[in-house]
PDB file of N, CA and C in Angstrom:
ATOM      1  N   MET A   1    -139.703 -22.963  32.704  1.00  0.00           N
ATOM      2  CA  MET A   1    -140.771 -21.964  33.164  1.00  0.00           C
ATOM      3  C   MET A   1    -141.235 -21.281  32.062  1.00  0.00           C
ATOM      4  N   SER A   2    -142.437 -21.005  32.144  1.00  0.00           N
ATOM      5  CA  SER A   2    -143.371 -20.421  31.069  1.00  0.00           C
ATOM      6  C   SER A   2    -143.127 -18.840  30.867  1.00  0.00           C
ATOM      7  N   LYS A   3    -143.652 -18.553  29.775  1.00  0.00           N
ATOM      8  CA  LYS A   3    -143.076 -16.885  29.284  1.00  0.00           C
ATOM      9  C   LYS A   3    -143.964 -16.100  30.640  1.00  0.00           C
ATOM     10  N   GLU A   4    -145.145 -16.265  31.138  1.00  0.00           N
ATOM     11  CA  GLU A   4    -145.923 -15.753  32.015  1.00  0.00           C
ATOM     12  C   GLU A   4    -145.058 -15.609  33.231  1.00  0.00           C
ATOM     13  N   GLU A   5    -144.464 -16.938  33.809  1.00  0.00           N
ATOM     14  CA  GLU A   5    -143.800 -16.819  35.186  1.00  0.00           C
ATOM     15  C   GLU A   5    -142.529 -16.194  34.779  1.00  0.00           C
ATOM     16  N   ILE A   6    -141.706 -16.071  33.672  1.00  0.00           N
ATOM     17  CA  ILE A   6    -140.715 -14.996  33.324  1.00  0.00           C
ATOM     18  C   ILE A   6    -140.960 -13.901  33.457  1.00  0.00           C
ATOM     19  N   LEU A   7    -142.028 -13.539  32.729  1.00  0.00           N
ATOM     20  CA  LEU A   7    -142.725 -12.018  32.862  1.00  0.00           C
ATOM     21  C   LEU A   7    -142.832 -11.428  34.325  1.00  0.00           C
ATOM     22  N   SER A   8    -143.250 -12.249  35.015  1.00  0.00           N
ATOM     23  CA  SER A   8    -143.832 -11.974  36.320  1.00  0.00           C
ATOM     24  C   SER A   8    -142.213 -11.786  37.244  1.00  0.00           C
ATOM     25  N   LYS A   9    -141.360 -12.341  37.034  1.00  0.00           N
ATOM     26  CA  LYS A   9    -140.204 -12.073  37.904  1.00  0.00           C
ATOM     27  C   LYS A   9    -139.596 -11.057  37.149  1.00  0.00           C
ATOM     28  N   VAL A  10    -139.390 -10.533  36.014  1.00  0.00           N
ATOM     29  CA  VAL A  10    -139.092  -9.587  35.236  1.00  0.00           C
ATOM     30  C   VAL A  10    -139.841  -8.240  35.802  1.00  0.00           C
ATOM     31  N   LYS A  11    -140.926  -8.330  35.880  1.00  0.00           N
ATOM     32  CA  LYS A  11    -141.901  -7.293  36.521  1.00  0.00           C
ATOM     33  C   LYS A  11    -141.377  -6.980  38.045  1.00  0.00           C
ATOM     34  N   GLU A  12    -141.149  -7.994  38.723  1.00  0.00           N
ATOM     35  CA  GLU A  12    -140.451  -8.017  39.938  1.00  0.00           C
ATOM     36  C   GLU A  12    -139.152  -7.005  40.170  1.00  0.00           C
ATOM     37  N   ALA A  13    -138.357  -7.218  39.024  1.00  0.00           N
ATOM     38  CA  ALA A  13    -137.278  -6.704  39.184  1.00  0.00           C
ATOM     39  C   ALA A  13    -137.365  -5.406  38.839  1.00  0.00           C
ATOM     40  N   PHE A  14    -138.003  -5.030  38.097  1.00  0.00           N
ATOM     41  CA  PHE A  14    -138.294  -3.694  37.546  1.00  0.00           C
ATOM     42  C   PHE A  14    -139.011  -2.857  38.705  1.00  0.00           C
ATOM     43  N   ILE A  15    -140.019  -3.566  39.358  1.00  0.00           N
ATOM     44  CA  ILE A  15    -140.420  -3.119  40.478  1.00  0.00           C
ATOM     45  C   ILE A  15    -139.456  -2.711  41.755  1.00  0.00           C
ATOM     46  N   SER A  16    -138.690  -3.475  41.787  1.00  0.00           N
ATOM     47  CA  SER A  16    -137.227  -3.359  42.778  1.00  0.00           C
ATOM     48  C   SER A  16    -136.601  -2.471  42.671  1.00  0.00           C
ATOM     49  N   VAL A  17    -136.277  -2.035  41.206  1.00  0.00           N
ATOM     50  CA  VAL A  17    -135.196  -1.063  41.153  1.00  0.00           C
ATOM     51  C   VAL A  17    -135.951   0.350  40.631  1.00  0.00           C
ATOM     52  N   LEU A  18    -136.863   0.247  40.244  1.00  0.00           N
ATOM     53  CA  LEU A  18    -137.716   1.747  40.016  1.00  0.00           C
ATOM     54  C   LEU A  18    -138.617   1.882  41.314  1.00  0.00           C
ATOM     55  N   GLU A  19    -138.726   1.017  42.122  1.00  0.00           N
ATOM     56  CA  GLU A  19    -139.616   1.343  43.254  1.00  0.00           C
ATOM     57  C   GLU A  19    -141.257   2.002  42.923  1.00  0.00           C
ATOM     58  N   HIS A  20    -141.560   1.434  41.978  1.00  0.00           N
ATOM     59  CA  HIS A  20    -142.944   1.663  41.565  1.00  0.00           C
ATOM     60  C   HIS A  20    -143.446   0.680  40.659  1.00  0.00           C
ATOM     61  N   ASP A  21    -144.827   0.429  40.697  1.00  0.00           N
ATOM     62  CA  ASP A  21    -145.505  -0.672  39.897  1.00  0.00           C
ATOM     63  C   ASP A  21    -146.383   0.235  39.093  1.00  0.00           C
ATOM     64  N   ASN A  22    -146.229   1.268  38.753  1.00  0.00           N
ATOM     65  CA  ASN A  22    -147.174   2.173  37.990  1.00  0.00           C
ATOM     66  C   ASN A  22    -146.734   1.704  36.498  1.00  0.00           C
ATOM     67  N   PHE A  23    -146.859   0.613  35.957  1.00  0.00           N
ATOM     68  CA  PHE A  23    -146.361   0.541  34.380  1.00  0.00           C
ATOM     69  C   PHE A  23    -147.081  -1.097  34.118  1.00  0.00           C
ATOM     70  N   GLN A  24    -147.106  -1.379  32.868  1.00  0.00           N
ATOM     71  CA  GLN A  24    -147.529  -2.826  32.335  1.00  0.00           C
ATOM     72  C   GLN A  24    -146.447  -2.922  31.484  1.00  0.00           C
ATOM     73  N   LEU A  25    -145.804  -4.484  31.450  1.00  0.00           N
ATOM     74  CA  LEU A  25    -144.974  -4.876  30.767  1.00  0.00           C
ATOM     75  C   LEU A  25    -145.682  -5.994  29.611  1.00  0.00           C
ATOM     76  N   ALA A  26    -145.189  -5.547  28.368  1.00  0.00           N
ATOM     77  CA  ALA A  26    -145.795  -6.150  27.071  1.00  0.00           C
ATOM     78  C   ALA A  26    -144.475  -6.785  26.433  1.00  0.00           C
ATOM     79  N   ASP A  27    -144.499  -7.493  25.430  1.00  0.00           N
ATOM     80  CA  ASP A  27    -143.331  -7.637  24.450  1.00  0.00           C
ATOM     81  C   ASP A  27    -143.063  -6.629  24.019  1.00  0.00           C
ATOM     82  N   GLU A  28    -143.802  -5.445  23.427  1.00  0.00           N
ATOM     83  CA  GLU A  28    -143.632  -4.292  22.929  1.00  0.00           C
ATOM     84  C   GLU A  28    -143.004  -3.023  23.761  1.00  0.00           C
ATOM     85  N   THR A  29    -143.159  -3.338  25.049  1.00  0.00           N
ATOM     86  CA  THR A  29    -142.563  -2.312  25.921  1.00  0.00           C
ATOM     87  C   THR A  29    -141.218  -1.996  26.086  1.00  0.00           C
ATOM     88  N   THR A  30    -141.165  -0.692  26.017  1.00  0.00           N
ATOM     89  CA  THR A  30    -139.685  -0.059  25.854  1.00  0.00           C
ATOM     90  C   THR A  30    -139.247   0.845  26.694  1.00  0.00           C
ATOM     91  N   ALA A  31    -138.165   1.346  27.228  1.00  0.00           N
ATOM     92  CA  ALA A  31    -137.807   2.369  28.203  1.00  0.00           C
ATOM     93  C   ALA A  31    -138.683   3.508  28.154  1.00  0.00           C
ATOM     94  N   ASP A  32    -139.193   4.008  26.802  1.00  0.00           N
ATOM     95  CA  ASP A  32    -139.807   5.134  26.807  1.00  0.00           C
ATOM     96  C   ASP A  32    -141.408   4.975  27.309  1.00  0.00           C
ATOM     97  N   ASP A  33    -141.641   3.741  27.772  1.00  0.00           N
ATOM     98  CA  ASP A  33    -142.777   3.464  28.059  1.00  0.00           C
ATOM     99  C   ASP A  33    -143.048   3.199  29.657  1.00  0.00           C
ATOM    100  N   VAL A  34    -142.236   3.443  30.437  1.00  0.00           N
ATOM    101  CA  VAL A  34    -141.706   3.052  31.732  1.00  0.00           C
ATOM    102  C   VAL A  34    -141.291   4.421  32.384  1.00  0.00           C
ATOM    103  N   ASP A  35    -141.816   4.800  33.321  1.00  0.00           N
ATOM    104  CA  ASP A  35    -141.602   6.164  33.782  1.00  0.00           C
ATOM    105  C   ASP A  35    -140.142   5.677  35.111  1.00  0.00           C
ATOM    106  N   GLY A  36    -139.311   6.304  34.660  1.00  0.00           N
ATOM    107  CA  GLY A  36    -137.909   5.941  35.662  1.00  0.00           C
ATOM    108  C   GLY A  36    -136.852   5.171  34.868  1.00  0.00           C
ATOM    109  N   TRP A  37    -137.341   4.248  33.728  1.00  0.00           N
ATOM    110  CA  TRP A  37    -136.560   3.493  33.179  1.00  0.00           C
ATOM    111  C   TRP A  37    -135.577   4.236  32.096  1.00  0.00           C
ATOM    112  N   GLU A  38    -134.397   4.515  32.588  1.00  0.00           N
ATOM    113  CA  GLU A  38    -133.456   5.080  31.857  1.00  0.00           C
ATOM    114  C   GLU A  38    -131.984   4.474  31.998  1.00  0.00           C
ATOM    115  N   SER A  39    -130.830   5.333  31.446  1.00  0.00           N
ATOM    116  CA  SER A  39    -129.684   4.487  31.201  1.00  0.00           C
ATOM    117  C   SER A  39    -129.235   3.465  32.481  1.00  0.00           C
ATOM    118  N   VAL A  40    -129.173   4.634  33.446  1.00  0.00           N
ATOM    119  CA  VAL A  40    -128.616   3.940  34.808  1.00  0.00           C
ATOM    120  C   VAL A  40    -129.440   2.962  35.148  1.00  0.00           C
ATOM    121  N   THR A  41    -130.919   3.291  35.182  1.00  0.00           N
ATOM    122  CA  THR A  41    -131.581   2.225  35.943  1.00  0.00           C
ATOM    123  C   THR A  41    -131.773   0.908  35.178  1.00  0.00           C
ATOM    124  N   HIS A  42    -131.603   1.228  33.853  1.00  0.00           N
ATOM    125  CA  HIS A  42    -131.433  -0.024  32.693  1.00  0.00           C
ATOM    126  C   HIS A  42    -130.470  -0.931  33.285  1.00  0.00           C
ATOM    127  N   MET A  43    -129.357  -0.647  33.615  1.00  0.00           N
ATOM    128  CA  MET A  43    -128.229  -1.420  34.129  1.00  0.00           C
ATOM    129  C   MET A  43    -128.537  -2.222  35.476  1.00  0.00           C
ATOM    130  N   MET A  44    -129.105  -1.439  36.151  1.00  0.00           N
ATOM    131  CA  MET A  44    -129.648  -1.665  37.459  1.00  0.00           C
ATOM    132  C   MET A  44    -130.557  -2.966  37.337  1.00  0.00           C
ATOM    133  N   ILE A  45    -131.532  -2.807  36.233  1.00  0.00           N
ATOM    134  CA  ILE A  45    -132.784  -3.793  36.052  1.00  0.00           C
ATOM    135  C   ILE A  45    -132.431  -5.185  35.370  1.00  0.00           C
ATOM    136  N   ILE A  46    -131.230  -4.978  34.384  1.00  0.00           N
ATOM    137  CA  ILE A  46    -130.434  -5.940  33.786  1.00  0.00           C
ATOM    138  C   ILE A  46    -129.961  -6.969  34.710  1.00  0.00           C
ATOM    139  N   SER A  47    -128.973  -6.329  35.999  1.00  0.00           N
ATOM    140  CA  SER A  47    -128.360  -6.682  37.065  1.00  0.00           C
ATOM    141  C   SER A  47    -129.289  -7.756  38.060  1.00  0.00           C
ATOM    142  N   GLU A  48    -130.434  -6.865  38.134  1.00  0.00           N
ATOM    143  CA  GLU A  48    -131.756  -7.668  39.132  1.00  0.00           C
ATOM    144  C   GLU A  48    -131.921  -8.991  38.475  1.00  0.00           C
ATOM    145  N   VAL A  49    -132.687  -8.626  37.155  1.00  0.00           N
ATOM    146  CA  VAL A  49    -133.196  -9.661  36.183  1.00  0.00           C
ATOM    147  C   VAL A  49    -132.052 -10.943  36.246  1.00  0.00           C
ATOM    148  N   GLU A  50    -130.607 -10.603  35.898  1.00  0.00           N
ATOM    149  CA  GLU A  50    -129.771 -11.540  35.898  1.00  0.00           C
ATOM    150  C   GLU A  50    -129.466 -12.475  37.559  1.00  0.00           C
ATOM    151  N   LYS A  51    -129.662 -11.625  38.684  1.00  0.00           N
ATOM    152  CA  LYS A  51    -129.575 -12.167  39.991  1.00  0.00           C
ATOM    153  C   LYS A  51    -130.752 -13.304  40.042  1.00  0.00           C
ATOM    154  N   SER A  52    -132.055 -12.648  39.599  1.00  0.00           N
ATOM    155  CA  SER A  52    -133.406 -13.445  39.767  1.00  0.00           C
ATOM    156  C   SER A  52    -133.186 -14.829  39.140  1.00  0.00           C
ATOM    157  N   PHE A  53    -132.931 -14.761  38.081  1.00  0.00           N
ATOM    158  CA  PHE A  53    -132.737 -16.021  37.177  1.00  0.00           C
ATOM    159  C   PHE A  53    -131.408 -16.664  37.293  1.00  0.00           C
ATOM    160  N   GLY A  54    -130.456 -16.246  37.846  1.00  0.00           N
ATOM    161  CA  GLY A  54    -129.155 -17.049  37.812  1.00  0.00           C
ATOM    162  C   GLY A  54    -128.621 -17.176  36.710  1.00  0.00           C
ATOM    163  N   ILE A  55    -128.738 -16.135  35.619  1.00  0.00           N
ATOM    164  CA  ILE A  55    -128.067 -15.879  34.293  1.00  0.00           C
ATOM    165  C   ILE A  55    -127.188 -14.865  34.328  1.00  0.00           C
ATOM    166  N   LYS A  56    -126.471 -14.818  33.027  1.00  0.00           N
ATOM    167  CA  LYS A  56    -125.494 -13.870  32.829  1.00  0.00           C
ATOM    168  C   LYS A  56    -125.582 -13.606  31.435  1.00  0.00           C
ATOM    169  N   PHE A  57    -125.905 -12.276  30.884  1.00  0.00           N
ATOM    170  CA  PHE A  57    -126.499 -12.008  29.576  1.00  0.00           C
ATOM    171  C   PHE A  57    -125.027 -11.781  28.944  1.00  0.00           C
ATOM    172  N   LYS A  58    -124.884 -12.133  27.844  1.00  0.00           N
ATOM    173  CA  LYS A  58    -123.733 -11.623  26.831  1.00  0.00           C
ATOM    174  C   LYS A  58    -123.792 -10.354  26.220  1.00  0.00           C
ATOM    175  N   LEU A  59    -122.869  -9.561  26.115  1.00  0.00           N
ATOM    176  CA  LEU A  59    -122.653  -8.377  25.821  1.00  0.00           C
ATOM    177  C   LEU A  59    -123.474  -8.121  24.100  1.00  0.00           C
ATOM    178  N   MET A  60    -123.454  -9.122  23.287  1.00  0.00           N
ATOM    179  CA  MET A  60    -124.106  -9.017  22.467  1.00  0.00           C
ATOM    180  C   MET A  60    -125.641  -9.280  22.310  1.00  0.00           C
ATOM    181  N   ASP A  61    -126.243 -10.203  23.100  1.00  0.00           N
ATOM    182  CA  ASP A  61    -127.564 -10.120  23.774  1.00  0.00           C
ATOM    183  C   ASP A  61    -127.947  -8.929  24.082  1.00  0.00           C
ATOM    184  N   LEU A  62    -127.465  -8.034  25.179  1.00  0.00           N
ATOM    185  CA  LEU A  62    -127.952  -6.952  25.426  1.00  0.00           C
ATOM    186  C   LEU A  62    -127.687  -5.795  24.770  1.00  0.00           C
ATOM    187  N   MET A  63    -126.852  -5.952  23.668  1.00  0.00           N
ATOM    188  CA  MET A  63    -126.993  -4.777  22.456  1.00  0.00           C
ATOM    189  C   MET A  63    -128.279  -5.020  21.479  1.00  0.00           C
ATOM    190  N   ASN A  64    -128.694  -6.185  21.665  1.00  0.00           N
ATOM    191  CA  ASN A  64    -129.793  -6.711  20.583  1.00  0.00           C
ATOM    192  C   ASN A  64    -131.053  -6.675  21.187  1.00  0.00           C
ATOM    193  N   MET A  65    -131.138  -5.923  22.172  1.00  0.00           N
ATOM    194  CA  MET A  65    -132.452  -6.100  23.064  1.00  0.00           C
ATOM    195  C   MET A  65    -133.081  -4.665  22.729  1.00  0.00           C
ATOM    196  N   ASN A  66    -134.037  -4.482  21.924  1.00  0.00           N
ATOM    197  CA  ASN A  66    -134.887  -3.199  21.988  1.00  0.00           C
ATOM    198  C   ASN A  66    -136.259  -3.205  22.725  1.00  0.00           C
ATOM    199  N   ASN A  67    -136.790  -4.298  23.444  1.00  0.00           N
ATOM    200  CA  ASN A  67    -137.681  -4.321  24.169  1.00  0.00           C
ATOM    201  C   ASN A  67    -137.850  -5.101  25.297  1.00  0.00           C
ATOM    202  N   VAL A  68    -138.935  -5.616  25.827  1.00  0.00           N
ATOM    203  CA  VAL A  68    -139.155  -6.086  27.166  1.00  0.00           C
ATOM    204  C   VAL A  68    -139.315  -7.702  26.143  1.00  0.00           C
ATOM    205  N   GLY A  69    -140.040  -7.792  25.212  1.00  0.00           N
ATOM    206  CA  GLY A  69    -140.146  -9.144  24.300  1.00  0.00           C
ATOM    207  C   GLY A  69    -138.718  -9.804  24.180  1.00  0.00           C
ATOM    208  N   ASP A  70    -137.829  -9.003  23.576  1.00  0.00           N
ATOM    209  CA  ASP A  70    -136.273  -9.353  23.534  1.00  0.00           C
ATOM    210  C   ASP A  70    -135.832 -10.004  24.677  1.00  0.00           C
ATOM    211  N   LEU A  71    -136.011  -9.183  25.819  1.00  0.00           N
ATOM    212  CA  LEU A  71    -135.511  -9.537  27.055  1.00  0.00           C
ATOM    213  C   LEU A  71    -135.979 -10.701  27.511  1.00  0.00           C
ATOM    214  N   ILE A  72    -137.481 -11.166  27.208  1.00  0.00           N
ATOM    215  CA  ILE A  72    -138.080 -12.319  27.629  1.00  0.00           C
ATOM    216  C   ILE A  72    -137.166 -13.607  26.947  1.00  0.00           C
ATOM    217  N   ARG A  73    -137.140 -13.193  25.561  1.00  0.00           N
ATOM    218  CA  ARG A  73    -136.685 -14.176  24.554  1.00  0.00           C
ATOM    219  C   ARG A  73    -135.217 -14.551  24.972  1.00  0.00           C
ATOM    220  N   THR A  74    -134.576 -13.495  25.229  1.00  0.00           N
ATOM    221  CA  THR A  74    -133.176 -13.724  25.546  1.00  0.00           C
ATOM    222  C   THR A  74    -133.045 -14.697  27.078  1.00  0.00           C
ATOM    223  N   ILE A  75    -133.976 -14.297  28.101  1.00  0.00           N
ATOM    224  CA  ILE A  75    -133.960 -15.033  29.247  1.00  0.00           C
ATOM    225  C   ILE A  75    -134.290 -16.720  28.768  1.00  0.00           C
ATOM    226  N   GLU A  76    -135.196 -16.880  27.965  1.00  0.00           N
ATOM    227  CA  GLU A  76    -135.634 -17.968  27.782  1.00  0.00           C
ATOM    228  C   GLU A  76    -134.721 -18.720  27.357  1.00  0.00           C
ATOM    229  N   SER A  77    -133.653 -18.398  26.316  1.00  0.00           N
ATOM    230  CA  SER A  77    -132.725 -18.804  25.504  1.00  0.00           C
ATOM    231  C   SER A  77    -131.493 -19.340  26.653  1.00  0.00           C
ATOM    232  N   GLU A  78    -131.445 -18.572  27.584  1.00  0.00           N
ATOM    233  CA  GLU A  78    -130.397 -18.750  28.797  1.00  0.00           C
ATOM    234  C   GLU A  78    -130.916 -19.767  29.893  1.00  0.00           C
ATOM    235  N   LEU A  79    -132.033 -20.226  30.229  1.00  0.00           N
ATOM    236  CA  LEU A  79    -132.503 -21.134  31.005  1.00  0.00           C
ATOM    237  C   LEU A  79    -132.409 -22.456  30.440  1.00  0.00           C
TER     238      LEU A  79
END
């Protein structure tokens, strides 16, 4: 799966949880850049991403994610 395909599925997860698509996702995107991406919705997004890709993140991976690029690299390593 290409990085673009992963990013597309990740964006779908964000839209599903946040119920809007008024944002752009790039490697450097953080919660500060996306309206509604807070601590509670963060866990919902992670859960939705895990479901979409059929993976389960390790706690250490979650703790080391600082932006969307880190999320994508972690998904790539799990696929």
